[in-house]
Amino acid sequence: MSGSSITTKGQVTIPSSLREKFQLQPGDKVLFLEKDGVITLMPMKQDITRLAGCLADDVGGRQASFDDMEAAIREGAVRGWSQDEESDDGRN
């Protein structure tokens, strides 16, 4: 387990071992998820196949904007994280 301090600007350094393990590079996006008082940091690098069809029900027949796509990616990542958490805690 690794730790880090929060700077006066609210910044946190991700330990190099985790940056290497998750292949995080400067400029990569991360998502902060809060669940039951726990904050989880999740790389926004997802297998694109996990997002297949996630906009189909959401855009009402219009062309999806960049904001629509970004929101769907975020929602898909959160949904995938939630499902992973459920399967990890023995409930499934």
N, C-alpha and C. Protein backbone atom coordinates (compact mmCIF):
# COMPACT_ATOMS: atom_id res chain seq x y z
N MET A 1 0.86 -1.17 0.00
CA MET A 1 0.00 0.00 0.00
C MET A 1 0.90 1.23 0.00
N SER A 2 0.48 2.24 -0.76
CA SER A 2 1.24 3.48 -0.86
C SER A 2 0.40 4.64 -0.37
N GLY A 3 1.05 5.67 0.12
CA GLY A 3 0.36 6.86 0.58
C GLY A 3 0.90 8.09 -0.11
N SER A 4 0.19 9.19 0.05
CA SER A 4 0.58 10.46 -0.54
C SER A 4 -0.05 11.57 0.28
N SER A 5 0.50 12.77 0.16
CA SER A 5 -0.04 13.94 0.86
C SER A 5 -0.80 14.82 -0.12
N ILE A 6 -1.75 15.57 0.41
CA ILE A 6 -2.50 16.52 -0.40
C ILE A 6 -1.80 17.87 -0.28
N THR A 7 -1.53 18.51 -1.42
CA THR A 7 -0.89 19.83 -1.41
C THR A 7 -1.92 20.90 -1.09
N THR A 8 -1.44 22.12 -0.90
CA THR A 8 -2.35 23.24 -0.62
C THR A 8 -3.29 23.52 -1.80
N LYS A 9 -2.93 23.06 -2.99
CA LYS A 9 -3.78 23.20 -4.17
C LYS A 9 -4.72 22.01 -4.36
N GLY A 10 -4.69 21.07 -3.41
CA GLY A 10 -5.55 19.89 -3.50
C GLY A 10 -5.02 18.81 -4.41
N GLN A 11 -3.75 18.88 -4.76
CA GLN A 11 -3.15 17.90 -5.65
C GLN A 11 -2.56 16.73 -4.86
N VAL A 12 -2.61 15.55 -5.48
CA VAL A 12 -2.06 14.35 -4.88
C VAL A 12 -1.16 13.68 -5.91
N THR A 13 0.00 13.21 -5.50
CA THR A 13 0.89 12.49 -6.39
C THR A 13 0.55 11.00 -6.33
N ILE A 14 0.34 10.40 -7.48
CA ILE A 14 0.11 8.96 -7.55
C ILE A 14 1.48 8.29 -7.51
N PRO A 15 1.71 7.37 -6.59
CA PRO A 15 3.02 6.72 -6.48
C PRO A 15 3.46 6.10 -7.81
N SER A 16 4.75 6.17 -8.07
CA SER A 16 5.29 5.69 -9.35
C SER A 16 4.96 4.22 -9.60
N SER A 17 4.94 3.40 -8.56
CA SER A 17 4.63 1.98 -8.77
C SER A 17 3.22 1.80 -9.33
N LEU A 18 2.28 2.63 -8.88
CA LEU A 18 0.91 2.54 -9.40
C LEU A 18 0.81 3.16 -10.79
N ARG A 19 1.53 4.26 -11.03
CA ARG A 19 1.54 4.86 -12.37
C ARG A 19 2.07 3.86 -13.38
N GLU A 20 3.11 3.13 -13.02
CA GLU A 20 3.67 2.12 -13.92
C GLU A 20 2.70 0.96 -14.11
N LYS A 21 2.14 0.46 -13.02
CA LYS A 21 1.23 -0.69 -13.09
C LYS A 21 0.02 -0.40 -13.99
N PHE A 22 -0.53 0.82 -13.88
CA PHE A 22 -1.72 1.18 -14.64
C PHE A 22 -1.39 1.99 -15.89
N GLN A 23 -0.10 2.08 -16.21
CA GLN A 23 0.38 2.77 -17.41
C GLN A 23 -0.19 4.19 -17.52
N LEU A 24 -0.16 4.91 -16.41
CA LEU A 24 -0.65 6.28 -16.38
C LEU A 24 0.45 7.23 -16.83
N GLN A 25 0.08 8.14 -17.71
CA GLN A 25 1.02 9.11 -18.27
C GLN A 25 0.53 10.53 -17.96
N PRO A 26 1.42 11.51 -17.96
CA PRO A 26 0.98 12.90 -17.77
C PRO A 26 -0.12 13.25 -18.78
N GLY A 27 -1.17 13.87 -18.30
CA GLY A 27 -2.30 14.24 -19.15
C GLY A 27 -3.43 13.22 -19.17
N ASP A 28 -3.17 12.00 -18.69
CA ASP A 28 -4.24 10.99 -18.62
C ASP A 28 -5.34 11.48 -17.69
N LYS A 29 -6.55 11.05 -17.95
CA LYS A 29 -7.70 11.42 -17.12
C LYS A 29 -7.94 10.33 -16.08
N VAL A 30 -8.39 10.76 -14.90
CA VAL A 30 -8.77 9.83 -13.85
C VAL A 30 -10.14 10.24 -13.34
N LEU A 31 -10.83 9.31 -12.75
CA LEU A 31 -12.16 9.53 -12.22
C LEU A 31 -12.13 9.27 -10.72
N PHE A 32 -12.73 10.16 -9.95
CA PHE A 32 -12.84 9.97 -8.51
C PHE A 32 -14.25 9.45 -8.22
N LEU A 33 -14.34 8.30 -7.57
CA LEU A 33 -15.62 7.70 -7.22
C LEU A 33 -15.74 7.67 -5.71
N GLU A 34 -16.91 8.03 -5.21
CA GLU A 34 -17.16 7.98 -3.76
C GLU A 34 -18.29 7.00 -3.52
N LYS A 35 -18.04 6.08 -2.61
CA LYS A 35 -19.05 5.08 -2.27
C LYS A 35 -18.86 4.70 -0.81
N ASP A 36 -19.88 4.91 -0.04
CA ASP A 36 -19.86 4.53 1.39
C ASP A 36 -18.67 5.16 2.13
N GLY A 37 -18.39 6.43 1.84
CA GLY A 37 -17.32 7.13 2.55
C GLY A 37 -15.92 6.79 2.10
N VAL A 38 -15.78 6.05 0.99
CA VAL A 38 -14.47 5.68 0.47
C VAL A 38 -14.29 6.34 -0.89
N ILE A 39 -13.16 6.98 -1.10
CA ILE A 39 -12.83 7.59 -2.39
C ILE A 39 -11.93 6.64 -3.16
N THR A 40 -12.33 6.34 -4.39
CA THR A 40 -11.54 5.47 -5.25
C THR A 40 -11.12 6.27 -6.47
N LEU A 41 -9.87 6.16 -6.84
CA LEU A 41 -9.34 6.82 -8.02
C LEU A 41 -9.28 5.77 -9.13
N MET A 42 -9.89 6.07 -10.26
CA MET A 42 -9.97 5.09 -11.34
C MET A 42 -9.45 5.70 -12.64
N PRO A 43 -8.49 5.03 -13.30
CA PRO A 43 -8.05 5.54 -14.60
C PRO A 43 -9.21 5.53 -15.58
N MET A 44 -9.31 6.55 -16.41
CA MET A 44 -10.38 6.60 -17.40
C MET A 44 -9.93 5.95 -18.71
N LYS A 45 -9.10 4.93 -18.58
CA LYS A 45 -8.70 4.11 -19.72
C LYS A 45 -9.53 2.83 -19.63
N GLN A 46 -10.46 2.69 -20.50
CA GLN A 46 -11.33 1.53 -20.48
C GLN A 46 -11.23 0.80 -21.81
N ASP A 47 -11.46 -0.50 -21.78
CA ASP A 47 -11.58 -1.27 -22.99
C ASP A 47 -12.82 -0.74 -23.72
N ILE A 48 -12.64 -0.25 -24.92
CA ILE A 48 -13.72 0.40 -25.66
C ILE A 48 -14.92 -0.53 -25.86
N THR A 49 -14.70 -1.85 -25.88
CA THR A 49 -15.81 -2.78 -26.08
C THR A 49 -16.78 -2.76 -24.90
N ARG A 50 -16.31 -2.35 -23.71
CA ARG A 50 -17.21 -2.27 -22.55
C ARG A 50 -18.23 -1.15 -22.70
N LEU A 51 -17.98 -0.22 -23.62
CA LEU A 51 -18.86 0.92 -23.80
C LEU A 51 -19.84 0.74 -24.95
N ALA A 52 -19.77 -0.39 -25.63
CA ALA A 52 -20.63 -0.62 -26.80
C ALA A 52 -22.10 -0.44 -26.45
N GLY A 53 -22.77 0.41 -27.22
CA GLY A 53 -24.20 0.62 -27.06
C GLY A 53 -24.61 1.49 -25.90
N CYS A 54 -23.68 2.05 -25.16
CA CYS A 54 -24.07 2.79 -23.95
C CYS A 54 -24.78 4.10 -24.27
N LEU A 55 -24.70 4.60 -25.49
CA LEU A 55 -25.41 5.83 -25.84
C LEU A 55 -26.74 5.56 -26.54
N ALA A 56 -26.98 4.34 -26.95
CA ALA A 56 -28.14 4.04 -27.78
C ALA A 56 -29.46 4.50 -27.17
N ASP A 57 -29.65 4.30 -25.88
CA ASP A 57 -30.91 4.66 -25.24
C ASP A 57 -30.94 6.10 -24.75
N ASP A 58 -29.81 6.78 -24.84
CA ASP A 58 -29.67 8.04 -24.13
C ASP A 58 -29.79 9.30 -24.98
N VAL A 59 -29.60 9.21 -26.27
CA VAL A 59 -29.53 10.42 -27.07
C VAL A 59 -30.80 10.71 -27.87
N GLY A 60 -31.83 9.88 -27.74
CA GLY A 60 -33.13 10.17 -28.32
C GLY A 60 -33.14 10.41 -29.81
N GLY A 61 -32.38 9.65 -30.56
CA GLY A 61 -32.39 9.75 -32.01
C GLY A 61 -31.54 10.86 -32.58
N ARG A 62 -30.95 11.71 -31.76
CA ARG A 62 -30.10 12.77 -32.29
C ARG A 62 -28.65 12.31 -32.28
N GLN A 63 -27.81 13.02 -32.99
CA GLN A 63 -26.40 12.70 -33.02
C GLN A 63 -25.78 13.03 -31.67
N ALA A 64 -24.98 12.13 -31.13
CA ALA A 64 -24.36 12.33 -29.82
C ALA A 64 -23.27 13.39 -29.90
N SER A 65 -23.28 14.32 -28.96
CA SER A 65 -22.23 15.34 -28.88
C SER A 65 -21.03 14.77 -28.13
N PHE A 66 -19.94 15.50 -28.18
CA PHE A 66 -18.75 15.10 -27.42
C PHE A 66 -19.09 15.00 -25.93
N ASP A 67 -19.87 15.95 -25.41
CA ASP A 67 -20.25 15.92 -24.00
C ASP A 67 -21.10 14.68 -23.69
N ASP A 68 -22.01 14.31 -24.62
CA ASP A 68 -22.81 13.09 -24.43
C ASP A 68 -21.89 11.87 -24.34
N MET A 69 -20.91 11.81 -25.23
CA MET A 69 -20.01 10.66 -25.25
C MET A 69 -19.16 10.61 -23.99
N GLU A 70 -18.64 11.76 -23.57
CA GLU A 70 -17.82 11.80 -22.36
C GLU A 70 -18.63 11.39 -21.13
N ALA A 71 -19.88 11.85 -21.05
CA ALA A 71 -20.75 11.47 -19.93
C ALA A 71 -21.04 9.98 -19.95
N ALA A 72 -21.26 9.42 -21.13
CA ALA A 72 -21.53 7.99 -21.23
C ALA A 72 -20.32 7.16 -20.84
N ILE A 73 -19.14 7.63 -21.22
CA ILE A 73 -17.91 6.92 -20.83
C ILE A 73 -17.78 6.93 -19.31
N ARG A 74 -18.01 8.09 -18.71
CA ARG A 74 -17.93 8.21 -17.25
C ARG A 74 -18.94 7.28 -16.59
N GLU A 75 -20.19 7.29 -17.10
CA GLU A 75 -21.24 6.44 -16.54
C GLU A 75 -20.90 4.97 -16.70
N GLY A 76 -20.38 4.59 -17.86
CA GLY A 76 -19.99 3.20 -18.08
C GLY A 76 -18.87 2.77 -17.17
N ALA A 77 -17.92 3.67 -16.95
CA ALA A 77 -16.81 3.35 -16.05
C ALA A 77 -17.30 3.16 -14.63
N VAL A 78 -18.21 4.03 -14.18
CA VAL A 78 -18.77 3.92 -12.83
C VAL A 78 -19.57 2.63 -12.71
N ARG A 79 -20.39 2.33 -13.72
CA ARG A 79 -21.20 1.11 -13.70
C ARG A 79 -20.29 -0.12 -13.65
N GLY A 80 -19.23 -0.13 -14.46
CA GLY A 80 -18.29 -1.25 -14.45
C GLY A 80 -17.59 -1.38 -13.12
N TRP A 81 -17.22 -0.23 -12.52
CA TRP A 81 -16.56 -0.25 -11.22
C TRP A 81 -17.50 -0.81 -10.16
N SER A 82 -18.75 -0.38 -10.20
CA SER A 82 -19.73 -0.86 -9.21
C SER A 82 -19.94 -2.36 -9.34
N GLN A 83 -20.01 -2.86 -10.56
CA GLN A 83 -20.19 -4.30 -10.77
C GLN A 83 -18.97 -5.07 -10.30
N ASP A 84 -17.77 -4.52 -10.56
CA ASP A 84 -16.55 -5.17 -10.10
C ASP A 84 -16.51 -5.23 -8.58
N GLU A 85 -16.92 -4.15 -7.91
CA GLU A 85 -16.93 -4.09 -6.45
C GLU A 85 -17.90 -5.13 -5.88
N GLU A 86 -19.06 -5.28 -6.51
CA GLU A 86 -20.05 -6.25 -6.02
C GLU A 86 -19.51 -7.67 -6.15
N SER A 87 -18.83 -7.98 -7.26
CA SER A 87 -18.33 -9.33 -7.43
C SER A 87 -17.13 -9.59 -6.53
N ASP A 88 -16.39 -8.54 -6.16
CA ASP A 88 -15.22 -8.70 -5.28
C ASP A 88 -15.60 -8.89 -3.83
N ASP A 89 -16.78 -8.44 -3.41
CA ASP A 89 -17.10 -8.51 -1.99
C ASP A 89 -17.90 -9.76 -1.61
N GLY A 90 -18.02 -10.70 -2.56
CA GLY A 90 -18.66 -11.98 -2.24
C GLY A 90 -20.16 -12.00 -2.35
N ARG A 91 -20.79 -10.89 -2.75
CA ARG A 91 -22.25 -10.88 -2.88
C ARG A 91 -22.71 -11.61 -4.13
N ASN A 92 -21.84 -11.74 -5.14
CA ASN A 92 -22.23 -12.41 -6.39
C ASN A 92 -21.52 -13.72 -6.53
